[in-house]
Amino acid sequence: MTLYGMVQAVFGDHTANALAGGAGGLVRALALGLGLRQGVVSLVVGALCSIYGTPAAAPIFKWVSEEAPARDGFAGFVIGVGGMIFAGLILDVWTAKRQQVRKTPEGETP
């Protein structure tokens, strides 16, 4: 079984998005000089963000191409590059909110 076949077995119809996002995550990891562990995490997060984000973001990238495969591939790649930034932002907001709630005395609304 080829690498593409294995990825397709896992992601099904979203294989192209997963590969584009994973490539974006890999480019990010290489550009920032991340280590192996962080590079793998960046690749996986890029793929996952691309799978779920490409359908929503694809219309924004109509200027790239009117054809869905080219547009979706580019959108998936861009989302893969920015996926770690977006995921980090969500986690930072979540952590800040949890700390705020923990510091609030009982009976008060944060």
PDB file of N, CA and C in Angstrom:
ATOM      1  N   MET A   1       0.851  -1.186   0.000  1.00  0.00           N
ATOM      2  CA  MET A   1       0.000   0.000   0.000  1.00  0.00           C
ATOM      3  C   MET A   1       0.893   1.245   0.000  1.00  0.00           C
ATOM      4  N   THR A   2       0.543   2.217  -0.804  1.00  0.00           N
ATOM      5  CA  THR A   2       1.319   3.455  -0.901  1.00  0.00           C
ATOM      6  C   THR A   2       1.001   4.374   0.279  1.00  0.00           C
ATOM      7  N   LEU A   3       1.842   5.393   0.461  1.00  0.00           N
ATOM      8  CA  LEU A   3       1.601   6.376   1.513  1.00  0.00           C
ATOM      9  C   LEU A   3       0.263   7.076   1.280  1.00  0.00           C
ATOM     10  N   TYR A   4      -0.012   7.444   0.030  1.00  0.00           N
ATOM     11  CA  TYR A   4      -1.286   8.088  -0.283  1.00  0.00           C
ATOM     12  C   TYR A   4      -2.453   7.161   0.054  1.00  0.00           C
ATOM     13  N   GLY A   5      -2.308   5.873  -0.233  1.00  0.00           N
ATOM     14  CA  GLY A   5      -3.353   4.908   0.075  1.00  0.00           C
ATOM     15  C   GLY A   5      -3.613   4.800   1.570  1.00  0.00           C
ATOM     16  N   MET A   6      -2.530   4.836   2.364  1.00  0.00           N
ATOM     17  CA  MET A   6      -2.694   4.773   3.820  1.00  0.00           C
ATOM     18  C   MET A   6      -3.383   6.032   4.341  1.00  0.00           C
ATOM     19  N   VAL A   7      -2.978   7.189   3.830  1.00  0.00           N
ATOM     20  CA  VAL A   7      -3.609   8.441   4.248  1.00  0.00           C
ATOM     21  C   VAL A   7      -5.073   8.451   3.830  1.00  0.00           C
ATOM     22  N   GLN A   8      -5.357   7.953   2.621  1.00  0.00           N
ATOM     23  CA  GLN A   8      -6.738   7.909   2.139  1.00  0.00           C
ATOM     24  C   GLN A   8      -7.591   6.965   2.973  1.00  0.00           C
ATOM     25  N   ALA A   9      -7.000   5.872   3.446  1.00  0.00           N
ATOM     26  CA  ALA A   9      -7.740   4.941   4.296  1.00  0.00           C
ATOM     27  C   ALA A   9      -8.160   5.599   5.605  1.00  0.00           C
ATOM     28  N   VAL A  10      -7.342   6.519   6.105  1.00  0.00           N
ATOM     29  CA  VAL A  10      -7.651   7.198   7.370  1.00  0.00           C
ATOM     30  C   VAL A  10      -8.602   8.370   7.161  1.00  0.00           C
ATOM     31  N   PHE A  11      -8.322   9.207   6.156  1.00  0.00           N
ATOM     32  CA  PHE A  11      -9.058  10.458   5.997  1.00  0.00           C
ATOM     33  C   PHE A  11     -10.176  10.413   4.973  1.00  0.00           C
ATOM     34  N   GLY A  12     -10.261   9.378   4.156  1.00  0.00           N
ATOM     35  CA  GLY A  12     -11.340   9.245   3.184  1.00  0.00           C
ATOM     36  C   GLY A  12     -11.403  10.397   2.206  1.00  0.00           C
ATOM     37  N   ASP A  13     -12.559  11.043   2.117  1.00  0.00           N
ATOM     38  CA  ASP A  13     -12.781  12.129   1.167  1.00  0.00           C
ATOM     39  C   ASP A  13     -11.926  13.368   1.460  1.00  0.00           C
ATOM     40  N   HIS A  14     -11.386  13.450   2.646  1.00  0.00           N
ATOM     41  CA  HIS A  14     -10.612  14.626   3.053  1.00  0.00           C
ATOM     42  C   HIS A  14      -9.111  14.439   2.870  1.00  0.00           C
ATOM     43  N   THR A  15      -8.712  13.432   2.108  1.00  0.00           N
ATOM     44  CA  THR A  15      -7.298  13.119   1.946  1.00  0.00           C
ATOM     45  C   THR A  15      -6.507  14.292   1.376  1.00  0.00           C
ATOM     46  N   ALA A  16      -7.016  14.917   0.330  1.00  0.00           N
ATOM     47  CA  ALA A  16      -6.296  16.036  -0.283  1.00  0.00           C
ATOM     48  C   ALA A  16      -6.133  17.181   0.709  1.00  0.00           C
ATOM     49  N   ASN A  17      -7.177  17.462   1.488  1.00  0.00           N
ATOM     50  CA  ASN A  17      -7.085  18.516   2.503  1.00  0.00           C
ATOM     51  C   ASN A  17      -6.059  18.148   3.566  1.00  0.00           C
ATOM     52  N   ALA A  18      -6.071  16.899   4.001  1.00  0.00           N
ATOM     53  CA  ALA A  18      -5.131  16.458   5.027  1.00  0.00           C
ATOM     54  C   ALA A  18      -3.688  16.575   4.543  1.00  0.00           C
ATOM     55  N   LEU A  19      -3.439  16.175   3.308  1.00  0.00           N
ATOM     56  CA  LEU A  19      -2.086  16.259   2.761  1.00  0.00           C
ATOM     57  C   LEU A  19      -1.649  17.717   2.587  1.00  0.00           C
ATOM     58  N   ALA A  20      -2.543  18.572   2.107  1.00  0.00           N
ATOM     59  CA  ALA A  20      -2.200  19.986   1.926  1.00  0.00           C
ATOM     60  C   ALA A  20      -1.927  20.644   3.281  1.00  0.00           C
ATOM     61  N   GLY A  21      -2.765  20.371   4.259  1.00  0.00           N
ATOM     62  CA  GLY A  21      -2.569  20.946   5.599  1.00  0.00           C
ATOM     63  C   GLY A  21      -1.328  20.396   6.272  1.00  0.00           C
ATOM     64  N   GLY A  22      -1.092  19.092   6.100  1.00  0.00           N
ATOM     65  CA  GLY A  22       0.117  18.495   6.660  1.00  0.00           C
ATOM     66  C   GLY A  22       1.364  19.103   6.041  1.00  0.00           C
ATOM     67  N   ALA A  23       1.328  19.342   4.741  1.00  0.00           N
ATOM     68  CA  ALA A  23       2.463  19.989   4.063  1.00  0.00           C
ATOM     69  C   ALA A  23       2.660  21.405   4.598  1.00  0.00           C
ATOM     70  N   GLY A  24       1.573  22.109   4.831  1.00  0.00           N
ATOM     71  CA  GLY A  24       1.671  23.454   5.411  1.00  0.00           C
ATOM     72  C   GLY A  24       2.269  23.422   6.805  1.00  0.00           C
ATOM     73  N   GLY A  25       1.848  22.458   7.603  1.00  0.00           N
ATOM     74  CA  GLY A  25       2.421  22.305   8.943  1.00  0.00           C
ATOM     75  C   GLY A  25       3.894  21.956   8.888  1.00  0.00           C
ATOM     76  N   LEU A  26       4.273  21.121   7.926  1.00  0.00           N
ATOM     77  CA  LEU A  26       5.676  20.742   7.760  1.00  0.00           C
ATOM     78  C   LEU A  26       6.519  21.939   7.326  1.00  0.00           C
ATOM     79  N   VAL A  27       6.015  22.735   6.387  1.00  0.00           N
ATOM     80  CA  VAL A  27       6.726  23.941   5.960  1.00  0.00           C
ATOM     81  C   VAL A  27       6.919  24.887   7.139  1.00  0.00           C
ATOM     82  N   ARG A  28       5.890  25.034   7.947  1.00  0.00           N
ATOM     83  CA  ARG A  28       5.992  25.887   9.133  1.00  0.00           C
ATOM     84  C   ARG A  28       7.081  25.380  10.065  1.00  0.00           C
ATOM     85  N   ALA A  29       7.079  24.073  10.319  1.00  0.00           N
ATOM     86  CA  ALA A  29       8.066  23.486  11.228  1.00  0.00           C
ATOM     87  C   ALA A  29       9.485  23.681  10.698  1.00  0.00           C
ATOM     88  N   LEU A  30       9.679  23.485   9.401  1.00  0.00           N
ATOM     89  CA  LEU A  30      11.003  23.653   8.807  1.00  0.00           C
ATOM     90  C   LEU A  30      11.435  25.123   8.812  1.00  0.00           C
ATOM     91  N   ALA A  31      10.507  26.018   8.517  1.00  0.00           N
ATOM     92  CA  ALA A  31      10.829  27.447   8.477  1.00  0.00           C
ATOM     93  C   ALA A  31      11.207  27.977   9.856  1.00  0.00           C
ATOM     94  N   LEU A  32      10.587  27.452  10.888  1.00  0.00           N
ATOM     95  CA  LEU A  32      10.876  27.905  12.247  1.00  0.00           C
ATOM     96  C   LEU A  32      11.986  27.107  12.915  1.00  0.00           C
ATOM     97  N   GLY A  33      12.452  26.066  12.249  1.00  0.00           N
ATOM     98  CA  GLY A  33      13.525  25.251  12.808  1.00  0.00           C
ATOM     99  C   GLY A  33      13.091  24.465  14.039  1.00  0.00           C
ATOM    100  N   LEU A  34      11.870  23.983  14.022  1.00  0.00           N
ATOM    101  CA  LEU A  34      11.357  23.227  15.162  1.00  0.00           C
ATOM    102  C   LEU A  34      12.005  21.850  15.218  1.00  0.00           C
ATOM    103  N   GLY A  35      12.052  21.277  16.395  1.00  0.00           N
ATOM    104  CA  GLY A  35      12.590  19.937  16.557  1.00  0.00           C
ATOM    105  C   GLY A  35      11.639  18.891  16.012  1.00  0.00           C
ATOM    106  N   LEU A  36      12.059  17.629  16.101  1.00  0.00           N
ATOM    107  CA  LEU A  36      11.267  16.528  15.541  1.00  0.00           C
ATOM    108  C   LEU A  36       9.881  16.446  16.179  1.00  0.00           C
ATOM    109  N   ARG A  37       9.814  16.481  17.499  1.00  0.00           N
ATOM    110  CA  ARG A  37       8.524  16.359  18.201  1.00  0.00           C
ATOM    111  C   ARG A  37       7.577  17.492  17.816  1.00  0.00           C
ATOM    112  N   GLN A  38       8.062  18.727  17.871  1.00  0.00           N
ATOM    113  CA  GLN A  38       7.219  19.869  17.528  1.00  0.00           C
ATOM    114  C   GLN A  38       6.877  19.873  16.036  1.00  0.00           C
ATOM    115  N   GLY A  39       7.782  19.364  15.220  1.00  0.00           N
ATOM    116  CA  GLY A  39       7.521  19.275  13.788  1.00  0.00           C
ATOM    117  C   GLY A  39       6.390  18.313  13.479  1.00  0.00           C
ATOM    118  N   VAL A  40       6.398  17.165  14.158  1.00  0.00           N
ATOM    119  CA  VAL A  40       5.329  16.185  13.959  1.00  0.00           C
ATOM    120  C   VAL A  40       3.999  16.754  14.444  1.00  0.00           C
ATOM    121  N   VAL A  41       4.025  17.434  15.589  1.00  0.00           N
ATOM    122  CA  VAL A  41       2.803  18.055  16.109  1.00  0.00           C
ATOM    123  C   VAL A  41       2.287  19.100  15.128  1.00  0.00           C
ATOM    124  N   SER A  42       3.174  19.905  14.570  1.00  0.00           N
ATOM    125  CA  SER A  42       2.775  20.919  13.602  1.00  0.00           C
ATOM    126  C   SER A  42       2.158  20.286  12.363  1.00  0.00           C
ATOM    127  N   LEU A  43       2.729  19.187  11.903  1.00  0.00           N
ATOM    128  CA  LEU A  43       2.202  18.470  10.744  1.00  0.00           C
ATOM    129  C   LEU A  43       0.801  17.943  11.014  1.00  0.00           C
ATOM    130  N   VAL A  44       0.605  17.306  12.170  1.00  0.00           N
ATOM    131  CA  VAL A  44      -0.702  16.729  12.514  1.00  0.00           C
ATOM    132  C   VAL A  44      -1.752  17.817  12.711  1.00  0.00           C
ATOM    133  N   VAL A  45      -1.387  18.868  13.439  1.00  0.00           N
ATOM    134  CA  VAL A  45      -2.343  19.965  13.664  1.00  0.00           C
ATOM    135  C   VAL A  45      -2.687  20.650  12.346  1.00  0.00           C
ATOM    136  N   GLY A  46      -1.693  20.829  11.477  1.00  0.00           N
ATOM    137  CA  GLY A  46      -1.961  21.422  10.162  1.00  0.00           C
ATOM    138  C   GLY A  46      -2.937  20.585   9.360  1.00  0.00           C
ATOM    139  N   ALA A  47      -2.751  19.260   9.393  1.00  0.00           N
ATOM    140  CA  ALA A  47      -3.662  18.366   8.665  1.00  0.00           C
ATOM    141  C   ALA A  47      -5.073  18.430   9.233  1.00  0.00           C
ATOM    142  N   LEU A  48      -5.192  18.376  10.551  1.00  0.00           N
ATOM    143  CA  LEU A  48      -6.525  18.403  11.180  1.00  0.00           C
ATOM    144  C   LEU A  48      -7.224  19.741  10.955  1.00  0.00           C
ATOM    145  N   CYS A  49      -6.492  20.837  11.093  1.00  0.00           N
ATOM    146  CA  CYS A  49      -7.098  22.151  10.849  1.00  0.00           C
ATOM    147  C   CYS A  49      -7.551  22.271   9.400  1.00  0.00           C
ATOM    148  N   SER A  50      -6.769  21.717   8.495  1.00  0.00           N
ATOM    149  CA  SER A  50      -7.127  21.781   7.082  1.00  0.00           C
ATOM    150  C   SER A  50      -8.371  20.965   6.764  1.00  0.00           C
ATOM    151  N   ILE A  51      -8.485  19.797   7.376  1.00  0.00           N
ATOM    152  CA  ILE A  51      -9.659  18.956   7.138  1.00  0.00           C
ATOM    153  C   ILE A  51     -10.937  19.700   7.506  1.00  0.00           C
ATOM    154  N   TYR A  52     -10.925  20.358   8.647  1.00  0.00           N
ATOM    155  CA  TYR A  52     -12.138  21.017   9.111  1.00  0.00           C
ATOM    156  C   TYR A  52     -12.262  22.457   8.630  1.00  0.00           C
ATOM    157  N   GLY A  53     -11.143  23.113   8.330  1.00  0.00           N
ATOM    158  CA  GLY A  53     -11.179  24.519   7.953  1.00  0.00           C
ATOM    159  C   GLY A  53     -11.311  24.792   6.473  1.00  0.00           C
ATOM    160  N   THR A  54     -10.833  23.875   5.634  1.00  0.00           N
ATOM    161  CA  THR A  54     -10.851  24.127   4.188  1.00  0.00           C
ATOM    162  C   THR A  54     -12.258  24.351   3.632  1.00  0.00           C
ATOM    163  N   PRO A  55     -13.250  23.541   3.998  1.00  0.00           N
ATOM    164  CA  PRO A  55     -14.587  23.806   3.435  1.00  0.00           C
ATOM    165  C   PRO A  55     -15.117  25.203   3.770  1.00  0.00           C
ATOM    166  N   ALA A  56     -14.793  25.696   4.955  1.00  0.00           N
ATOM    167  CA  ALA A  56     -15.263  27.027   5.337  1.00  0.00           C
ATOM    168  C   ALA A  56     -14.436  28.133   4.692  1.00  0.00           C
ATOM    169  N   ALA A  57     -13.129  27.904   4.511  1.00  0.00           N
ATOM    170  CA  ALA A  57     -12.245  28.953   4.008  1.00  0.00           C
ATOM    171  C   ALA A  57     -12.115  28.968   2.488  1.00  0.00           C
ATOM    172  N   ALA A  58     -12.485  27.903   1.819  1.00  0.00           N
ATOM    173  CA  ALA A  58     -12.288  27.813   0.367  1.00  0.00           C
ATOM    174  C   ALA A  58     -12.890  28.990  -0.401  1.00  0.00           C
ATOM    175  N   PRO A  59     -14.083  29.476  -0.064  1.00  0.00           N
ATOM    176  CA  PRO A  59     -14.631  30.614  -0.820  1.00  0.00           C
ATOM    177  C   PRO A  59     -13.758  31.871  -0.739  1.00  0.00           C
ATOM    178  N   ILE A  60     -13.005  32.023   0.328  1.00  0.00           N
ATOM    179  CA  ILE A  60     -12.123  33.180   0.470  1.00  0.00           C
ATOM    180  C   ILE A  60     -11.014  33.137  -0.574  1.00  0.00           C
ATOM    181  N   PHE A  61     -10.641  31.928  -0.992  1.00  0.00           N
ATOM    182  CA  PHE A  61      -9.519  31.748  -1.907  1.00  0.00           C
ATOM    183  C   PHE A  61      -9.961  31.597  -3.371  1.00  0.00           C
ATOM    184  N   LYS A  62     -11.148  32.117  -3.712  1.00  0.00           N
ATOM    185  CA  LYS A  62     -11.609  32.031  -5.098  1.00  0.00           C
ATOM    186  C   LYS A  62     -10.679  32.756  -6.055  1.00  0.00           C
ATOM    187  N   TRP A  63      -9.940  33.730  -5.577  1.00  0.00           N
ATOM    188  CA  TRP A  63      -9.019  34.480  -6.430  1.00  0.00           C
ATOM    189  C   TRP A  63      -7.864  33.598  -6.928  1.00  0.00           C
ATOM    190  N   VAL A  64      -7.573  32.492  -6.219  1.00  0.00           N
ATOM    191  CA  VAL A  64      -6.508  31.593  -6.636  1.00  0.00           C
ATOM    192  C   VAL A  64      -6.938  30.815  -7.867  1.00  0.00           C
ATOM    193  N   SER A  65      -8.134  30.252  -7.803  1.00  0.00           N
ATOM    194  CA  SER A  65      -8.653  29.466  -8.918  1.00  0.00           C
ATOM    195  C   SER A  65     -10.137  29.235  -8.722  1.00  0.00           C
ATOM    196  N   GLU A  66     -10.850  29.210  -9.819  1.00  0.00           N
ATOM    197  CA  GLU A  66     -12.272  28.883  -9.765  1.00  0.00           C
ATOM    198  C   GLU A  66     -12.477  27.375  -9.635  1.00  0.00           C
ATOM    199  N   GLU A  67     -11.452  26.602  -9.991  1.00  0.00           N
ATOM    200  CA  GLU A  67     -11.549  25.144  -9.927  1.00  0.00           C
ATOM    201  C   GLU A  67     -11.327  24.674  -8.493  1.00  0.00           C
ATOM    202  N   ALA A  68     -12.244  23.845  -8.003  1.00  0.00           N
ATOM    203  CA  ALA A  68     -12.222  23.415  -6.613  1.00  0.00           C
ATOM    204  C   ALA A  68     -10.919  22.735  -6.180  1.00  0.00           C
ATOM    205  N   PRO A  69     -10.354  21.805  -6.929  1.00  0.00           N
ATOM    206  CA  PRO A  69      -9.145  21.132  -6.427  1.00  0.00           C
ATOM    207  C   PRO A  69      -7.971  22.091  -6.179  1.00  0.00           C
ATOM    208  N   ALA A  70      -7.734  23.001  -7.096  1.00  0.00           N
ATOM    209  CA  ALA A  70      -6.628  23.948  -6.923  1.00  0.00           C
ATOM    210  C   ALA A  70      -6.906  24.908  -5.772  1.00  0.00           C
ATOM    211  N   ARG A  71      -8.109  25.428  -5.723  1.00  0.00           N
ATOM    212  CA  ARG A  71      -8.496  26.360  -4.666  1.00  0.00           C
ATOM    213  C   ARG A  71      -8.437  25.690  -3.305  1.00  0.00           C
ATOM    214  N   ASP A  72      -8.997  24.493  -3.196  1.00  0.00           N
ATOM    215  CA  ASP A  72      -9.022  23.786  -1.914  1.00  0.00           C
ATOM    216  C   ASP A  72      -7.625  23.381  -1.469  1.00  0.00           C
ATOM    217  N   GLY A  73      -6.775  22.996  -2.423  1.00  0.00           N
ATOM    218  CA  GLY A  73      -5.406  22.635  -2.071  1.00  0.00           C
ATOM    219  C   GLY A  73      -4.640  23.808  -1.503  1.00  0.00           C
ATOM    220  N   PHE A  74      -4.794  24.966  -2.152  1.00  0.00           N
ATOM    221  CA  PHE A  74      -4.116  26.165  -1.651  1.00  0.00           C
ATOM    222  C   PHE A  74      -4.678  26.575  -0.295  1.00  0.00           C
ATOM    223  N   ALA A  75      -5.993  26.555  -0.161  1.00  0.00           N
ATOM    224  CA  ALA A  75      -6.619  26.907   1.117  1.00  0.00           C
ATOM    225  C   ALA A  75      -6.158  25.958   2.220  1.00  0.00           C
ATOM    226  N   GLY A  76      -6.104  24.667   1.919  1.00  0.00           N
ATOM    227  CA  GLY A  76      -5.643  23.693   2.910  1.00  0.00           C
ATOM    228  C   GLY A  76      -4.215  23.928   3.327  1.00  0.00           C
ATOM    229  N   PHE A  77      -3.357  24.277   2.375  1.00  0.00           N
ATOM    230  CA  PHE A  77      -1.958  24.554   2.682  1.00  0.00           C
ATOM    231  C   PHE A  77      -1.829  25.766   3.604  1.00  0.00           C
ATOM    232  N   VAL A  78      -2.533  26.842   3.258  1.00  0.00           N
ATOM    233  CA  VAL A  78      -2.476  28.061   4.068  1.00  0.00           C
ATOM    234  C   VAL A  78      -3.018  27.791   5.472  1.00  0.00           C
ATOM    235  N   ILE A  79      -4.097  27.048   5.560  1.00  0.00           N
ATOM    236  CA  ILE A  79      -4.665  26.707   6.861  1.00  0.00           C
ATOM    237  C   ILE A  79      -3.697  25.827   7.642  1.00  0.00           C
ATOM    238  N   GLY A  80      -3.007  24.927   6.962  1.00  0.00           N
ATOM    239  CA  GLY A  80      -2.017  24.092   7.629  1.00  0.00           C
ATOM    240  C   GLY A  80      -0.881  24.895   8.219  1.00  0.00           C
ATOM    241  N   VAL A  81      -0.430  25.920   7.488  1.00  0.00           N
ATOM    242  CA  VAL A  81       0.640  26.783   7.993  1.00  0.00           C
ATOM    243  C   VAL A  81       0.153  27.546   9.229  1.00  0.00           C
ATOM    244  N   GLY A  82      -1.058  28.068   9.173  1.00  0.00           N
ATOM    245  CA  GLY A  82      -1.579  28.872  10.279  1.00  0.00           C
ATOM    246  C   GLY A  82      -2.301  28.087  11.355  1.00  0.00           C
ATOM    247  N   GLY A  83      -2.444  26.785  11.173  1.00  0.00           N
ATOM    248  CA  GLY A  83      -3.208  25.983  12.132  1.00  0.00           C
ATOM    249  C   GLY A  83      -2.665  26.016  13.545  1.00  0.00           C
ATOM    250  N   MET A  84      -1.357  25.952  13.697  1.00  0.00           N
ATOM    251  CA  MET A  84      -0.756  25.976  15.032  1.00  0.00           C
ATOM    252  C   MET A  84      -0.977  27.326  15.698  1.00  0.00           C
ATOM    253  N   ILE A  85      -0.918  28.393  14.916  1.00  0.00           N
ATOM    254  CA  ILE A  85      -1.157  29.728  15.465  1.00  0.00           C
ATOM    255  C   ILE A  85      -2.586  29.814  15.985  1.00  0.00           C
ATOM    256  N   PHE A  86      -3.534  29.358  15.186  1.00  0.00           N
ATOM    257  CA  PHE A  86      -4.941  29.405  15.567  1.00  0.00           C
ATOM    258  C   PHE A  86      -5.212  28.503  16.776  1.00  0.00           C
ATOM    259  N   ALA A  87      -4.673  27.284  16.757  1.00  0.00           N
ATOM    260  CA  ALA A  87      -4.858  26.366  17.881  1.00  0.00           C
ATOM    261  C   ALA A  87      -4.239  26.939  19.150  1.00  0.00           C
ATOM    262  N   GLY A  88      -3.066  27.543  19.021  1.00  0.00           N
ATOM    263  CA  GLY A  88      -2.419  28.161  20.179  1.00  0.00           C
ATOM    264  C   GLY A  88      -3.239  29.300  20.746  1.00  0.00           C
ATOM    265  N   LEU A  89      -3.835  30.097  19.868  1.00  0.00           N
ATOM    266  CA  LEU A  89      -4.681  31.204  20.308  1.00  0.00           C
ATOM    267  C   LEU A  89      -5.879  30.694  21.100  1.00  0.00           C
ATOM    268  N   ILE A  90      -6.527  29.668  20.588  1.00  0.00           N
ATOM    269  CA  ILE A  90      -7.683  29.097  21.291  1.00  0.00           C
ATOM    270  C   ILE A  90      -7.269  28.561  22.665  1.00  0.00           C
ATOM    271  N   LEU A  91      -6.156  27.848  22.723  1.00  0.00           N
ATOM    272  CA  LEU A  91      -5.698  27.296  24.004  1.00  0.00           C
ATOM    273  C   LEU A  91      -5.299  28.397  24.986  1.00  0.00           C
ATOM    274  N   ASP A  92      -4.684  29.474  24.493  1.00  0.00           N
ATOM    275  CA  ASP A  92      -4.319  30.587  25.375  1.00  0.00           C
ATOM    276  C   ASP A  92      -5.550  31.273  25.952  1.00  0.00           C
ATOM    277  N   VAL A  93      -6.566  31.482  25.117  1.00  0.00           N
ATOM    278  CA  VAL A  93      -7.813  32.097  25.592  1.00  0.00           C
ATOM    279  C   VAL A  93      -8.490  31.180  26.610  1.00  0.00           C
ATOM    280  N   TRP A  94      -8.522  29.887  26.324  1.00  0.00           N
ATOM    281  CA  TRP A  94      -9.118  28.907  27.231  1.00  0.00           C
ATOM    282  C   TRP A  94      -8.408  28.930  28.582  1.00  0.00           C
ATOM    283  N   THR A  95      -7.067  28.919  28.574  1.00  0.00           N
ATOM    284  CA  THR A  95      -6.280  28.914  29.808  1.00  0.00           C
ATOM    285  C   THR A  95      -6.503  30.200  30.597  1.00  0.00           C
ATOM    286  N   ALA A  96      -6.527  31.344  29.923  1.00  0.00           N
ATOM    287  CA  ALA A  96      -6.750  32.614  30.601  1.00  0.00           C
ATOM    288  C   ALA A  96      -8.130  32.651  31.247  1.00  0.00           C
ATOM    289  N   LYS A  97      -9.132  32.146  30.555  1.00  0.00           N
ATOM    290  CA  LYS A  97     -10.495  32.128  31.104  1.00  0.00           C
ATOM    291  C   LYS A  97     -10.572  31.223  32.324  1.00  0.00           C
ATOM    292  N   ARG A  98      -9.928  30.046  32.258  1.00  0.00           N
ATOM    293  CA  ARG A  98      -9.922  29.133  33.405  1.00  0.00           C
ATOM    294  C   ARG A  98      -9.259  29.769  34.614  1.00  0.00           C
ATOM    295  N   GLN A  99      -8.154  30.483  34.393  1.00  0.00           N
ATOM    296  CA  GLN A  99      -7.470  31.146  35.503  1.00  0.00           C
ATOM    297  C   GLN A  99      -8.332  32.253  36.089  1.00  0.00           C
ATOM    298  N   GLN A 100      -9.044  32.967  35.229  1.00  0.00           N
ATOM    299  CA  GLN A 100      -9.932  34.027  35.691  1.00  0.00           C
ATOM    300  C   GLN A 100     -11.059  33.453  36.544  1.00  0.00           C
ATOM    301  N   VAL A 101     -11.629  32.336  36.116  1.00  0.00           N
ATOM    302  CA  VAL A 101     -12.716  31.710  36.854  1.00  0.00           C
ATOM    303  C   VAL A 101     -12.213  31.200  38.207  1.00  0.00           C
ATOM    304  N   ARG A 102     -11.027  30.645  38.250  1.00  0.00           N
ATOM    305  CA  ARG A 102     -10.459  30.147  39.505  1.00  0.00           C
ATOM    306  C   ARG A 102     -10.196  31.264  40.503  1.00  0.00           C
ATOM    307  N   LYS A 103      -9.868  32.471  40.038  1.00  0.00           N
ATOM    308  CA  LYS A 103      -9.561  33.591  40.917  1.00  0.00           C
ATOM    309  C   LYS A 103     -10.813  34.310  41.406  1.00  0.00           C
ATOM    310  N   THR A 104     -11.953  34.073  40.759  1.00  0.00           N
ATOM    311  CA  THR A 104     -13.193  34.751  41.116  1.00  0.00           C
ATOM    312  C   THR A 104     -13.763  34.124  42.379  1.00  0.00           C
ATOM    313  N   PRO A 105     -14.053  34.983  43.407  1.00  0.00           N
ATOM    314  CA  PRO A 105     -14.672  34.446  44.629  1.00  0.00           C
ATOM    315  C   PRO A 105     -16.036  33.832  44.336  1.00  0.00           C
ATOM    316  N   GLU A 106     -16.429  32.890  45.189  1.00  0.00           N
ATOM    317  CA  GLU A 106     -17.723  32.204  44.972  1.00  0.00           C
ATOM    318  C   GLU A 106     -18.863  33.210  44.997  1.00  0.00           C
ATOM    319  N   GLY A 107     -19.822  32.966  44.152  1.00  0.00           N
ATOM    320  CA  GLY A 107     -21.013  33.799  44.099  1.00  0.00           C
ATOM    321  C   GLY A 107     -20.899  34.988  43.160  1.00  0.00           C
ATOM    322  N   GLU A 108     -19.691  35.298  42.668  1.00  0.00           N
ATOM    323  CA  GLU A 108     -19.519  36.412  41.753  1.00  0.00           C
ATOM    324  C   GLU A 108     -19.412  35.903  40.330  1.00  0.00           C
ATOM    325  N   THR A 109     -19.849  36.713  39.402  1.00  0.00           N
ATOM    326  CA  THR A 109     -19.756  36.361  37.998  1.00  0.00           C
ATOM    327  C   THR A 109     -18.474  36.951  37.423  1.00  0.00           C
ATOM    328  N   PRO A 110     -17.667  36.114  36.710  1.00  0.00           N
ATOM    329  CA  PRO A 110     -16.430  36.658  36.135  1.00  0.00           C
ATOM    330  C   PRO A 110     -16.690  37.640  35.022  1.00  0.00           C
TER     331      PRO A 110
END
